[in-house]
């Protein structure tokens, strides 16, 4: 059987890493947060730009940004009166990219004509 996942240095992993990983996955369980991370994976933005990009209110966007910053999924920096947000962790970027690509692939395969029925 071939390995489909990257090899993890098992000597680095401790029991608490599983609980922390579950918390991260739970944080990613929100479509709004997933969309925000997708947008942030393309570059730094302020809250107004993020709200516009995902079609959410400033209050909703700010709420989710606060939660993700507290969970250390994103970072922020002040520039005058504006806060700019970014995702700097390549693990987070890869998680989001893989999850979104996976579901885009499933959707496209479901929409494609079936080869077994000859459609």
Protein backbone atom coordinates (compact mmCIF):
# COMPACT_ATOMS: atom_id res chain seq x y z
CA UNK A 1 0.00 0.00 0.00
CA UNK A 2 1.40 3.41 -0.93
CA UNK A 3 1.49 6.31 1.49
CA UNK A 4 -0.79 9.17 0.57
CA UNK A 5 0.19 11.49 3.40
CA UNK A 6 3.50 13.14 4.05
CA UNK A 7 5.78 11.46 6.52
CA UNK A 8 5.67 13.03 9.98
CA UNK A 9 8.60 12.85 12.35
CA UNK A 10 6.83 10.76 14.96
CA UNK A 11 9.49 11.55 17.57
CA UNK A 12 8.30 15.19 17.62
CA UNK A 13 4.66 14.34 18.33
CA UNK A 14 3.44 14.24 21.94
CA UNK A 15 -0.02 13.41 23.30
CA UNK A 16 -1.07 17.06 23.69
CA UNK A 17 -0.49 17.62 19.95
CA UNK A 18 -3.64 15.58 19.22
CA UNK A 19 -5.82 17.78 21.42
CA UNK A 20 -4.28 20.90 19.90
CA UNK A 21 -4.83 19.54 16.38
CA UNK A 22 -8.48 18.83 17.21
CA UNK A 23 -8.90 22.44 18.43
CA UNK A 24 -7.41 23.73 15.19
CA UNK A 25 -9.71 21.55 13.10
CA UNK A 26 -12.70 22.70 15.16
CA UNK A 27 -11.70 26.33 14.53
CA UNK A 28 -11.60 25.55 10.80
CA UNK A 29 -15.13 24.12 11.02
CA UNK A 30 -16.67 27.51 10.27
CA UNK A 31 -17.22 28.30 6.57
CA UNK A 32 -16.57 31.98 7.31
CA UNK A 33 -13.23 31.26 8.98
CA UNK A 34 -12.25 28.86 6.20
CA UNK A 35 -13.08 31.53 3.62
CA UNK A 36 -11.14 34.18 5.58
CA UNK A 37 -8.09 31.92 5.75
CA UNK A 38 -8.40 31.19 2.03
CA UNK A 39 -8.38 34.93 1.28
CA UNK A 40 -5.53 35.57 3.74
CA UNK A 41 -3.46 32.79 2.20
CA UNK A 42 -3.27 35.05 -0.86
CA UNK A 43 -1.89 37.99 1.11
CA UNK A 44 -2.34 40.44 3.95
CA UNK A 45 -5.62 42.39 4.20
CA UNK A 46 -7.40 44.72 6.56
CA UNK A 47 -10.81 43.92 8.05
CA UNK A 48 -12.69 46.01 5.47
CA UNK A 49 -11.01 44.22 2.57
CA UNK A 50 -11.65 40.85 4.18
CA UNK A 51 -15.33 41.62 4.84
CA UNK A 52 -15.78 42.69 1.21
CA UNK A 53 -13.92 39.62 -0.08
CA UNK A 54 -16.14 37.17 1.78
CA UNK A 55 -19.39 39.15 1.65
CA UNK A 56 -19.80 39.46 5.43
CA UNK A 57 -20.37 42.41 7.74
CA UNK A 58 -17.49 44.14 9.48
CA UNK A 59 -18.78 42.95 12.86
CA UNK A 60 -18.95 39.30 11.77
CA UNK A 61 -15.56 39.47 10.10
CA UNK A 62 -13.97 41.12 13.15
CA UNK A 63 -15.47 38.49 15.46
CA UNK A 64 -13.99 35.63 13.44
CA UNK A 65 -10.63 37.37 13.08
CA UNK A 66 -10.44 37.78 16.87
CA UNK A 67 -11.14 34.07 17.38
CA UNK A 68 -8.55 33.03 14.81
CA UNK A 69 -5.94 35.37 16.26
CA UNK A 70 -6.59 33.99 19.75
CA UNK A 71 -6.13 30.47 18.32
CA UNK A 72 -2.86 31.63 16.71
CA UNK A 73 -4.04 30.78 13.19
CA UNK A 74 -3.43 34.34 12.01
CA UNK A 75 -1.35 37.32 13.00
CA UNK A 76 -2.08 41.02 12.86
CA UNK A 77 -0.13 44.23 12.70
CA UNK A 78 -1.15 47.82 13.21
CA UNK A 79 -0.51 50.46 10.59
CA UNK A 80 -1.88 53.75 11.83
CA UNK A 81 -5.54 53.21 12.62
CA UNK A 82 -5.79 50.01 10.58
CA UNK A 83 -5.14 46.39 11.57
CA UNK A 84 -3.78 44.15 8.86
CA UNK A 85 -4.18 40.40 9.11
CA UNK A 86 -2.13 37.60 7.61
CA UNK A 87 -1.63 33.88 7.83
CA UNK A 88 2.05 33.11 8.12
CA UNK A 89 1.98 29.43 9.01
CA UNK A 90 2.48 27.23 5.93
CA UNK A 91 0.70 24.37 7.74
CA UNK A 92 -2.49 26.42 8.00
CA UNK A 93 -2.25 27.54 4.38
CA UNK A 94 -1.78 23.93 3.26
CA UNK A 95 -4.70 22.67 5.39
CA UNK A 96 -7.03 25.24 3.85
CA UNK A 97 -5.76 24.71 0.30
CA UNK A 98 -6.10 20.93 0.57
CA UNK A 99 -9.58 21.04 2.12
CA UNK A 100 -10.95 23.54 -0.41
CA UNK A 101 -9.32 21.76 -3.35
CA UNK A 102 -10.65 18.41 -2.11
CA UNK A 103 -14.23 19.67 -2.10
CA UNK A 104 -13.88 21.45 -5.43
CA UNK A 105 -12.62 18.15 -6.86
CA UNK A 106 -15.53 16.20 -5.34
CA UNK A 107 -18.02 18.72 -6.76
CA UNK A 108 -16.49 18.58 -10.23
CA UNK A 109 -16.35 14.78 -10.24
CA UNK A 110 -19.99 14.60 -9.18
CA UNK A 111 -20.97 16.96 -12.00
CA UNK A 112 -18.96 15.10 -14.66
CA UNK A 113 -20.73 12.55 -16.85
CA UNK A 114 -20.34 9.04 -15.51
CA UNK A 115 -17.92 6.85 -17.45
CA UNK A 116 -19.63 3.64 -16.32
CA UNK A 117 -23.00 4.59 -17.80
CA UNK A 118 -21.55 5.97 -21.02
CA UNK A 119 -23.22 9.35 -20.65
